Amino acid sequence: MYKLDRTAFKIQTFEESNDDIAFWKSLTTQEIFEYGWLLTCQSFKIDALDELKLDRTVFEMRKNG
């Protein structure tokens, strides 16, 4: 699906970084969420295409009262 291109990063000046702001503002909300999910998956080393499941051993439902 996606792969991080490590050659795409470089040290930038403030003027060059302003171009990045224009790029992010040109994206739709859906595209921004997709990039965010990709970065989250890379940070936690999870597969972006796998369906995440709730660990029922940690969470449980209780009735109040």
N, C-alpha and C. Protein backbone atom coordinates (compact mmCIF):
# COMPACT_ATOMS: atom_id res chain seq x y z
N MET A 1 0.84 -1.19 0.00
CA MET A 1 0.00 0.00 0.00
C MET A 1 0.88 1.25 0.00
N TYR A 2 1.44 1.59 1.14
CA TYR A 2 2.33 2.74 1.24
C TYR A 2 3.71 2.26 1.69
N LYS A 3 4.73 2.99 1.30
CA LYS A 3 6.06 2.70 1.77
C LYS A 3 6.78 4.02 2.00
N LEU A 4 7.49 4.12 3.12
CA LEU A 4 8.19 5.35 3.46
C LEU A 4 9.44 5.48 2.59
N ASP A 5 9.56 6.59 1.88
CA ASP A 5 10.73 6.86 1.06
C ASP A 5 11.72 7.65 1.90
N ARG A 6 12.72 6.99 2.43
CA ARG A 6 13.68 7.63 3.33
C ARG A 6 14.61 8.61 2.61
N THR A 7 14.68 8.55 1.29
CA THR A 7 15.52 9.48 0.55
C THR A 7 14.82 10.83 0.35
N ALA A 8 13.55 10.91 0.72
CA ALA A 8 12.77 12.13 0.49
C ALA A 8 12.99 13.20 1.56
N PHE A 9 13.70 12.86 2.62
CA PHE A 9 13.87 13.80 3.73
C PHE A 9 15.20 14.54 3.62
N LYS A 10 15.18 15.80 4.00
CA LYS A 10 16.40 16.61 3.98
C LYS A 10 16.25 17.76 4.97
N ILE A 11 17.35 18.37 5.30
CA ILE A 11 17.33 19.56 6.14
C ILE A 11 16.80 20.72 5.29
N GLN A 12 15.87 21.48 5.86
CA GLN A 12 15.21 22.53 5.09
C GLN A 12 15.39 23.90 5.73
N THR A 13 15.26 24.92 4.89
CA THR A 13 15.20 26.29 5.39
C THR A 13 13.75 26.59 5.74
N PHE A 14 13.50 27.71 6.38
CA PHE A 14 12.14 28.10 6.72
C PHE A 14 11.30 28.33 5.47
N GLU A 15 11.90 28.87 4.42
CA GLU A 15 11.16 29.11 3.18
C GLU A 15 10.73 27.79 2.54
N GLU A 16 11.63 26.80 2.57
CA GLU A 16 11.28 25.50 2.00
C GLU A 16 10.19 24.80 2.82
N SER A 17 10.21 24.99 4.11
CA SER A 17 9.19 24.34 4.94
C SER A 17 7.82 24.96 4.72
N ASN A 18 7.77 26.22 4.30
CA ASN A 18 6.48 26.84 3.97
C ASN A 18 5.82 26.15 2.79
N ASP A 19 6.63 25.59 1.87
CA ASP A 19 6.08 24.83 0.75
C ASP A 19 5.35 23.59 1.26
N ASP A 20 5.85 22.99 2.34
CA ASP A 20 5.20 21.82 2.93
C ASP A 20 3.82 22.19 3.47
N ILE A 21 3.70 23.35 4.04
CA ILE A 21 2.40 23.80 4.57
C ILE A 21 1.40 23.91 3.43
N ALA A 22 1.83 24.42 2.29
CA ALA A 22 0.93 24.53 1.14
C ALA A 22 0.49 23.15 0.66
N PHE A 23 1.39 22.17 0.73
CA PHE A 23 1.04 20.81 0.33
C PHE A 23 -0.05 20.25 1.24
N TRP A 24 0.14 20.36 2.55
CA TRP A 24 -0.83 19.80 3.50
C TRP A 24 -2.18 20.50 3.40
N LYS A 25 -2.18 21.80 3.11
CA LYS A 25 -3.44 22.52 2.96
C LYS A 25 -4.17 22.15 1.68
N SER A 26 -3.45 21.60 0.71
CA SER A 26 -4.08 21.21 -0.55
C SER A 26 -4.76 19.85 -0.47
N LEU A 27 -4.53 19.09 0.59
CA LEU A 27 -5.10 17.76 0.73
C LEU A 27 -6.52 17.80 1.28
N THR A 28 -7.28 16.76 0.98
CA THR A 28 -8.61 16.64 1.56
C THR A 28 -8.48 16.10 2.99
N THR A 29 -9.54 16.20 3.75
CA THR A 29 -9.54 15.69 5.11
C THR A 29 -9.28 14.18 5.12
N GLN A 30 -9.88 13.46 4.18
CA GLN A 30 -9.69 12.01 4.09
C GLN A 30 -8.21 11.67 3.84
N GLU A 31 -7.55 12.40 2.95
CA GLU A 31 -6.14 12.14 2.67
C GLU A 31 -5.26 12.42 3.89
N ILE A 32 -5.59 13.45 4.64
CA ILE A 32 -4.82 13.77 5.85
C ILE A 32 -4.97 12.66 6.87
N PHE A 33 -6.19 12.12 7.05
CA PHE A 33 -6.40 11.01 7.97
C PHE A 33 -5.63 9.76 7.52
N GLU A 34 -5.59 9.53 6.21
CA GLU A 34 -4.85 8.37 5.69
C GLU A 34 -3.35 8.50 5.98
N TYR A 35 -2.79 9.68 5.79
CA TYR A 35 -1.38 9.91 6.12
C TYR A 35 -1.15 9.74 7.63
N GLY A 36 -2.07 10.26 8.42
CA GLY A 36 -1.95 10.12 9.87
C GLY A 36 -1.98 8.67 10.31
N TRP A 37 -2.89 7.88 9.71
CA TRP A 37 -2.97 6.46 10.04
C TRP A 37 -1.69 5.74 9.63
N LEU A 38 -1.16 6.07 8.47
CA LEU A 38 0.09 5.46 8.01
C LEU A 38 1.23 5.75 8.99
N LEU A 39 1.35 6.98 9.44
CA LEU A 39 2.42 7.33 10.38
C LEU A 39 2.22 6.65 11.73
N THR A 40 0.96 6.53 12.17
CA THR A 40 0.67 5.83 13.41
C THR A 40 1.07 4.37 13.30
N CYS A 41 0.74 3.73 12.19
CA CYS A 41 1.09 2.33 11.98
C CYS A 41 2.60 2.13 11.96
N GLN A 42 3.32 3.04 11.34
CA GLN A 42 4.77 2.93 11.31
C GLN A 42 5.36 3.13 12.69
N SER A 43 4.79 4.02 13.48
CA SER A 43 5.30 4.28 14.83
C SER A 43 5.14 3.07 15.74
N PHE A 44 4.00 2.39 15.63
CA PHE A 44 3.72 1.26 16.51
C PHE A 44 4.01 -0.08 15.87
N LYS A 45 4.60 -0.06 14.66
CA LYS A 45 4.98 -1.27 13.93
C LYS A 45 3.81 -2.24 13.77
N ILE A 46 2.69 -1.70 13.27
CA ILE A 46 1.54 -2.54 12.97
C ILE A 46 1.25 -2.45 11.48
N ASP A 47 0.61 -3.47 10.95
CA ASP A 47 0.28 -3.50 9.54
C ASP A 47 -0.95 -2.64 9.30
N ALA A 48 -0.86 -1.70 8.39
CA ALA A 48 -1.96 -0.77 8.14
C ALA A 48 -3.18 -1.46 7.55
N LEU A 49 -3.01 -2.62 6.94
CA LEU A 49 -4.12 -3.30 6.30
C LEU A 49 -4.83 -4.29 7.22
N ASP A 50 -4.21 -4.66 8.35
CA ASP A 50 -4.83 -5.60 9.28
C ASP A 50 -5.96 -4.92 10.05
N GLU A 51 -7.01 -5.68 10.31
CA GLU A 51 -8.10 -5.18 11.13
C GLU A 51 -7.71 -5.29 12.59
N LEU A 52 -7.82 -4.20 13.34
CA LEU A 52 -7.47 -4.21 14.75
C LEU A 52 -8.62 -4.76 15.56
N LYS A 53 -8.31 -5.56 16.57
CA LYS A 53 -9.32 -6.17 17.43
C LYS A 53 -9.14 -5.68 18.85
N LEU A 54 -10.23 -5.55 19.56
CA LEU A 54 -10.22 -5.13 20.96
C LEU A 54 -9.76 -6.30 21.82
N ASP A 55 -8.78 -6.07 22.68
CA ASP A 55 -8.29 -7.11 23.59
C ASP A 55 -9.28 -7.23 24.74
N ARG A 56 -10.10 -8.25 24.72
CA ARG A 56 -11.16 -8.43 25.73
C ARG A 56 -10.60 -8.81 27.10
N THR A 57 -9.32 -9.20 27.18
CA THR A 57 -8.74 -9.53 28.48
C THR A 57 -8.41 -8.26 29.27
N VAL A 58 -8.33 -7.13 28.59
CA VAL A 58 -8.00 -5.86 29.25
C VAL A 58 -9.27 -5.06 29.56
N PHE A 59 -10.21 -5.08 28.61
CA PHE A 59 -11.42 -4.29 28.75
C PHE A 59 -12.62 -5.19 29.04
N GLU A 60 -13.48 -4.74 29.90
CA GLU A 60 -14.70 -5.49 30.19
C GLU A 60 -15.85 -4.51 30.43
N MET A 61 -17.05 -4.99 30.22
CA MET A 61 -18.23 -4.16 30.44
C MET A 61 -18.84 -4.53 31.79
N ARG A 62 -19.25 -3.52 32.54
CA ARG A 62 -19.93 -3.73 33.81
C ARG A 62 -21.20 -2.91 33.83
N LYS A 63 -22.18 -3.42 34.51
CA LYS A 63 -23.44 -2.71 34.66
C LYS A 63 -23.37 -1.86 35.91
N ASN A 64 -23.70 -0.59 35.79
CA ASN A 64 -23.72 0.29 36.97
C ASN A 64 -25.01 0.07 37.74
N GLY A 65 -24.89 0.04 39.05
CA GLY A 65 -26.11 0.00 39.82
C GLY A 65 -26.15 -1.10 40.73
